[in-house]
Every structure is written in structure tokens, then in C-alpha cells.
Protein backbone atom coordinates (compact mmCIF):
# COMPACT_ATOMS: atom_id res chain seq x y z
CA MET A 1 10.52 -2.12 11.88
CA ARG A 2 11.62 -3.41 8.49
CA VAL A 3 8.55 -3.93 6.28
CA LYS A 4 8.81 -5.94 3.09
CA LYS A 5 6.49 -5.72 0.12
CA TYR A 6 6.16 -9.01 -1.74
CA LYS A 7 4.81 -10.18 -5.04
CA THR A 8 4.43 -13.65 -6.49
CA GLU A 9 5.66 -15.03 -9.76
CA TYR A 10 6.07 -18.45 -11.28
CA SER A 11 9.36 -20.32 -10.99
CA ASP A 12 10.96 -22.24 -13.87
CA GLU A 13 8.97 -25.28 -12.70
CA TYR A 14 5.80 -23.17 -13.03
CA LEU A 15 5.20 -23.08 -9.27
CA PRO A 16 4.27 -19.85 -7.49
CA GLN A 17 7.04 -18.33 -5.40
CA LEU A 18 7.55 -15.23 -3.27
CA VAL A 19 9.67 -12.39 -4.57
CA MET A 20 10.53 -9.40 -2.40
CA GLU A 21 9.58 -6.26 -4.29
CA SER A 22 10.85 -3.65 -1.82
CA SER A 23 11.86 -3.17 1.79
CA HIS A 24 11.55 -0.03 3.89
CA ASN A 25 12.15 0.85 7.52
CA TYR A 26 9.07 2.01 9.50
CA PRO A 27 10.20 2.16 13.16
CA GLU A 28 6.92 3.68 14.40
CA TYR A 29 4.89 0.66 13.23
CA SER A 30 6.40 -2.11 15.31
CA LYS A 31 2.95 -3.58 15.94
CA LEU A 32 -0.30 -3.29 13.97
CA SER A 33 -2.55 -3.54 16.99
CA ASN A 34 -5.51 -1.30 16.08
CA PRO A 35 -7.18 0.27 13.03
CA ASP A 36 -5.64 3.69 13.64
CA VAL A 37 -2.12 2.29 13.34
CA VAL A 38 -3.06 0.46 10.13
CA TRP A 39 -4.60 3.65 8.74
CA ARG A 40 -1.46 5.69 9.51
CA PHE A 41 0.68 3.00 7.89
CA CYS A 42 -1.47 3.13 4.74
CA LEU A 43 -1.09 6.92 4.69
CA ASP A 44 2.71 6.50 4.87
CA LEU A 45 2.49 4.13 1.90
CA GLY A 46 0.95 7.00 -0.06
CA LEU A 47 -2.58 5.66 -0.24
CA GLY A 48 -4.29 8.60 1.44
CA LYS A 49 -4.85 10.54 -1.76
CA ALA A 50 -5.25 7.64 -4.18
CA THR A 51 -8.00 8.12 -6.74
CA GLU A 52 -8.74 4.40 -6.99
CA GLU A 53 -9.28 1.55 -4.57
CA HIS A 54 -6.27 -0.48 -3.42
CA VAL A 55 -6.60 -3.87 -1.76
CA LEU A 56 -3.66 -4.78 0.47
CA VAL A 57 -3.10 -7.94 2.49
CA PHE A 58 -0.97 -7.63 5.61
CA ALA A 59 0.69 -10.83 6.85
CA LEU A 60 1.10 -10.70 10.64
CA ASP A 61 2.67 -13.06 13.17
CA ASN A 62 0.98 -14.07 16.44
CA ALA A 63 2.09 -10.85 18.16
CA ASN A 64 0.68 -8.61 15.36
CA HIS A 65 4.13 -7.81 13.98
CA MET A 66 4.06 -7.45 10.23
CA ILE A 67 5.88 -10.12 8.25
CA GLY A 68 5.14 -8.42 4.95
CA TYR A 69 2.36 -7.20 2.73
CA PHE A 70 0.98 -7.65 -0.76
CA GLU A 71 -0.92 -5.34 -3.04
CA LEU A 72 -3.65 -7.61 -4.36
CA SER A 73 -5.61 -5.27 -6.56
CA VAL A 74 -5.83 -1.75 -7.83
CA GLY A 75 -9.34 -1.07 -8.97
CA THR A 76 -11.43 1.82 -10.14
CA VAL A 77 -12.99 4.65 -8.16
CA GLY A 78 -15.72 2.42 -6.72
CA ALA A 79 -14.68 -1.22 -7.16
CA SER A 80 -11.79 -3.63 -6.96
CA VAL A 81 -11.72 -7.31 -7.94
CA VAL A 82 -10.21 -9.75 -5.44
CA SER A 83 -9.90 -13.51 -5.75
CA THR A 84 -9.91 -15.59 -2.56
CA ARG A 85 -7.51 -17.97 -4.32
CA GLU A 86 -4.96 -15.15 -4.60
CA VAL A 87 -5.34 -14.17 -0.95
CA PHE A 88 -4.79 -17.70 0.35
CA MET A 89 -2.00 -18.53 -2.11
CA LYS A 90 0.01 -15.48 -1.07
CA LEU A 91 -0.51 -16.01 2.65
CA LEU A 92 0.34 -19.71 2.44
CA LEU A 93 3.57 -18.89 0.64
CA MET A 94 4.46 -16.57 3.54
CA GLY A 95 4.21 -19.40 6.08
């Protein structure tokens, strides 16, 4: 499965837009159907030995196939700041 990592930035009209940051092939993760699969995917992203918290948002379709994902926040050892506005803005741009 081709998984795309997105970020957002402002266009010339100062409107938020999606920008693909990277794209990698993960054939073993065709469907994110349970927490174990999500955990293994996060390990493959290199988050298993991270010394700080990472907040990711996975955008899925109705069949639990990943459309893409965003890294919302990289925090400290025990905390990470997340804005609900950022979560909804990014997911609405995906749709």
C-alpha cells in the first residue's frame, strides 16, 4: 500500500492547502483494522524508540484503508500540545 505523509501550508491567497511531504510503499499495511497493525506501522515509521511524544493523525476511508497521515505535534518526554482546530482542518482538507 502506498502511504503518503502530508503537511499543510498557506497558498498565495493565504488559504490552507495540502502538500505531500513523502510517499512510501508499505504492502503489509493494506488495512488498519486493529491496534496491533497501527502499532506495527508506527514502529516502521521509526517511532518505537523516540524519546519524545509524537501525535499522528491517520486519515482512513470507509474500509479502513489509509488515505494519508499527518504528524501534528512532537512534544516533550511527557506532554504534547494538540489543537482540535488543526486536527479538523487537516482532515477536512483530505476530503
